[in-house]
């Protein structure tokens, strides 16, 4: 009976270790927590861009990876680019902005 309990305990410990390793981040893969944080940042940025009267007419793509926000798309002026970057930097949790917006 003791041997069976020890094997069961060992199995549980190994499963917990496997779960922690699976959720850990690597240089090419985000952890579960980082993915959720990035999704929150992306949602906040998108909602702020859509709420801004000057920028809401432009199609600006937003992607976030490890707290770095990438903006892409076309805008009408450099002023729009500057405003979009300013809005992104105002969001809590953003570490940097990769600006791929193109002025048409």
C-alpha atoms as a PDB file:
ATOM      1  CA  UNK A   1       0.000   0.000   0.000  1.00  0.00           C
ATOM      2  CA  UNK A   2       2.845   2.425   0.855  1.00  0.00           C
ATOM      3  CA  UNK A   3       4.556   1.667  -2.415  1.00  0.00           C
ATOM      4  CA  UNK A   4       1.356   2.441  -4.308  1.00  0.00           C
ATOM      5  CA  UNK A   5       0.964   5.783  -2.468  1.00  0.00           C
ATOM      6  CA  UNK A   6       4.566   6.716  -3.236  1.00  0.00           C
ATOM      7  CA  UNK A   7       4.131   5.937  -6.920  1.00  0.00           C
ATOM      8  CA  UNK A   8       0.944   7.979  -7.000  1.00  0.00           C
ATOM      9  CA  UNK A   9       2.671  10.905  -5.248  1.00  0.00           C
ATOM     10  CA  UNK A  10       5.608  10.695  -7.649  1.00  0.00           C
ATOM     11  CA  UNK A  11       3.200  10.698 -10.594  1.00  0.00           C
ATOM     12  CA  UNK A  12       1.423  13.818  -9.258  1.00  0.00           C
ATOM     13  CA  UNK A  13       4.749  15.632  -8.744  1.00  0.00           C
ATOM     14  CA  UNK A  14       5.874  14.769 -12.274  1.00  0.00           C
ATOM     15  CA  UNK A  15       2.567  16.017 -13.701  1.00  0.00           C
ATOM     16  CA  UNK A  16       2.915  19.327 -11.833  1.00  0.00           C
ATOM     17  CA  UNK A  17       6.465  19.769 -13.094  1.00  0.00           C
ATOM     18  CA  UNK A  18       5.314  19.056 -16.648  1.00  0.00           C
ATOM     19  CA  UNK A  19       2.518  21.620 -16.303  1.00  0.00           C
ATOM     20  CA  UNK A  20       4.915  24.321 -15.090  1.00  0.00           C
ATOM     21  CA  UNK A  21       7.389  23.595 -17.877  1.00  0.00           C
ATOM     22  CA  UNK A  22       4.637  23.703 -20.505  1.00  0.00           C
ATOM     23  CA  UNK A  23       3.520  27.156 -19.326  1.00  0.00           C
ATOM     24  CA  UNK A  24       7.013  28.634 -19.134  1.00  0.00           C
ATOM     25  CA  UNK A  25       8.161  31.129 -21.722  1.00  0.00           C
ATOM     26  CA  UNK A  26      11.067  30.683 -24.071  1.00  0.00           C
ATOM     27  CA  UNK A  27      12.755  33.139 -26.402  1.00  0.00           C
ATOM     28  CA  UNK A  28      10.344  32.145 -29.174  1.00  0.00           C
ATOM     29  CA  UNK A  29       7.226  31.284 -27.186  1.00  0.00           C
ATOM     30  CA  UNK A  30       5.248  33.319 -24.667  1.00  0.00           C
ATOM     31  CA  UNK A  31       4.099  31.897 -21.380  1.00  0.00           C
ATOM     32  CA  UNK A  32       0.379  31.708 -20.709  1.00  0.00           C
ATOM     33  CA  UNK A  33       0.541  34.773 -18.462  1.00  0.00           C
ATOM     34  CA  UNK A  34       2.457  36.786 -21.051  1.00  0.00           C
ATOM     35  CA  UNK A  35      -0.074  35.819 -23.722  1.00  0.00           C
ATOM     36  CA  UNK A  36      -2.958  37.020 -21.552  1.00  0.00           C
ATOM     37  CA  UNK A  37      -1.114  40.268 -20.723  1.00  0.00           C
ATOM     38  CA  UNK A  38      -0.442  40.882 -24.408  1.00  0.00           C
ATOM     39  CA  UNK A  39      -4.094  40.271 -25.262  1.00  0.00           C
ATOM     40  CA  UNK A  40      -5.136  42.843 -22.653  1.00  0.00           C
ATOM     41  CA  UNK A  41      -2.659  45.399 -24.015  1.00  0.00           C
ATOM     42  CA  UNK A  42      -3.855  44.807 -27.589  1.00  0.00           C
ATOM     43  CA  UNK A  43      -7.489  45.255 -26.558  1.00  0.00           C
ATOM     44  CA  UNK A  44      -6.746  48.480 -24.683  1.00  0.00           C
ATOM     45  CA  UNK A  45      -4.754  49.929 -27.591  1.00  0.00           C
ATOM     46  CA  UNK A  46      -7.419  49.018 -30.152  1.00  0.00           C
ATOM     47  CA  UNK A  47     -10.191  50.556 -28.066  1.00  0.00           C
ATOM     48  CA  UNK A  48      -8.225  53.774 -27.508  1.00  0.00           C
ATOM     49  CA  UNK A  49      -7.413  54.080 -31.212  1.00  0.00           C
ATOM     50  CA  UNK A  50     -11.067  53.491 -32.133  1.00  0.00           C
ATOM     51  CA  UNK A  51     -12.227  56.076 -29.581  1.00  0.00           C
ATOM     52  CA  UNK A  52      -9.916  58.791 -30.906  1.00  0.00           C
ATOM     53  CA  UNK A  53     -11.798  61.038 -33.347  1.00  0.00           C
ATOM     54  CA  UNK A  54      -8.673  61.753 -35.405  1.00  0.00           C
ATOM     55  CA  UNK A  55      -7.603  58.110 -35.809  1.00  0.00           C
ATOM     56  CA  UNK A  56     -10.861  56.168 -35.957  1.00  0.00           C
ATOM     57  CA  UNK A  57     -11.169  56.581 -39.733  1.00  0.00           C
ATOM     58  CA  UNK A  58      -7.867  54.753 -40.366  1.00  0.00           C
ATOM     59  CA  UNK A  59      -7.363  50.985 -40.447  1.00  0.00           C
ATOM     60  CA  UNK A  60      -4.545  50.494 -37.951  1.00  0.00           C
ATOM     61  CA  UNK A  61      -3.480  46.943 -37.133  1.00  0.00           C
ATOM     62  CA  UNK A  62      -2.287  46.212 -33.612  1.00  0.00           C
ATOM     63  CA  UNK A  63      -0.281  43.176 -32.499  1.00  0.00           C
ATOM     64  CA  UNK A  64       1.474  42.649 -29.180  1.00  0.00           C
ATOM     65  CA  UNK A  65       4.277  40.223 -28.363  1.00  0.00           C
ATOM     66  CA  UNK A  66       6.019  40.255 -24.985  1.00  0.00           C
ATOM     67  CA  UNK A  67       4.694  43.773 -24.260  1.00  0.00           C
ATOM     68  CA  UNK A  68       6.029  45.197 -27.539  1.00  0.00           C
ATOM     69  CA  UNK A  69       3.202  46.688 -29.601  1.00  0.00           C
ATOM     70  CA  UNK A  70       3.453  46.680 -33.387  1.00  0.00           C
ATOM     71  CA  UNK A  71       1.337  49.142 -35.366  1.00  0.00           C
ATOM     72  CA  UNK A  72       0.728  48.535 -39.063  1.00  0.00           C
ATOM     73  CA  UNK A  73      -1.434  50.007 -41.789  1.00  0.00           C
ATOM     74  CA  UNK A  74      -1.896  53.225 -43.705  1.00  0.00           C
ATOM     75  CA  UNK A  75      -2.640  56.679 -42.316  1.00  0.00           C
ATOM     76  CA  UNK A  76      -3.118  60.090 -43.906  1.00  0.00           C
ATOM     77  CA  UNK A  77      -0.363  62.104 -42.246  1.00  0.00           C
ATOM     78  CA  UNK A  78       2.689  62.045 -39.999  1.00  0.00           C
ATOM     79  CA  UNK A  79       0.487  63.690 -37.396  1.00  0.00           C
ATOM     80  CA  UNK A  80      -1.681  60.541 -37.335  1.00  0.00           C
ATOM     81  CA  UNK A  81       1.411  58.368 -36.890  1.00  0.00           C
ATOM     82  CA  UNK A  82       2.617  60.484 -33.982  1.00  0.00           C
ATOM     83  CA  UNK A  83      -0.839  60.446 -32.347  1.00  0.00           C
ATOM     84  CA  UNK A  84      -1.114  56.639 -32.663  1.00  0.00           C
ATOM     85  CA  UNK A  85       2.323  56.102 -31.117  1.00  0.00           C
ATOM     86  CA  UNK A  86       1.468  58.519 -28.311  1.00  0.00           C
ATOM     87  CA  UNK A  87      -1.727  56.581 -27.546  1.00  0.00           C
ATOM     88  CA  UNK A  88       0.128  53.256 -27.484  1.00  0.00           C
ATOM     89  CA  UNK A  89       2.786  54.586 -25.115  1.00  0.00           C
ATOM     90  CA  UNK A  90       0.047  55.776 -22.739  1.00  0.00           C
ATOM     91  CA  UNK A  91      -1.153  52.192 -22.170  1.00  0.00           C
ATOM     92  CA  UNK A  92       0.100  50.616 -18.969  1.00  0.00           C
ATOM     93  CA  UNK A  93       2.350  47.603 -19.582  1.00  0.00           C
ATOM     94  CA  UNK A  94       3.705  48.627 -23.002  1.00  0.00           C
ATOM     95  CA  UNK A  95       7.497  48.298 -23.058  1.00  0.00           C
ATOM     96  CA  UNK A  96       8.125  49.470 -26.610  1.00  0.00           C
ATOM     97  CA  UNK A  97       6.394  50.367 -29.874  1.00  0.00           C
ATOM     98  CA  UNK A  98       7.323  49.052 -33.311  1.00  0.00           C
ATOM     99  CA  UNK A  99       5.896  51.571 -35.753  1.00  0.00           C
ATOM    100  CA  UNK A 100       5.174  50.142 -39.213  1.00  0.00           C
ATOM    101  CA  UNK A 101       2.540  52.726 -40.144  1.00  0.00           C
ATOM    102  CA  UNK A 102       2.814  54.113 -43.680  1.00  0.00           C
ATOM    103  CA  UNK A 103       1.764  57.663 -44.598  1.00  0.00           C
ATOM    104  CA  UNK A 104      -0.211  57.825 -47.853  1.00  0.00           C
END
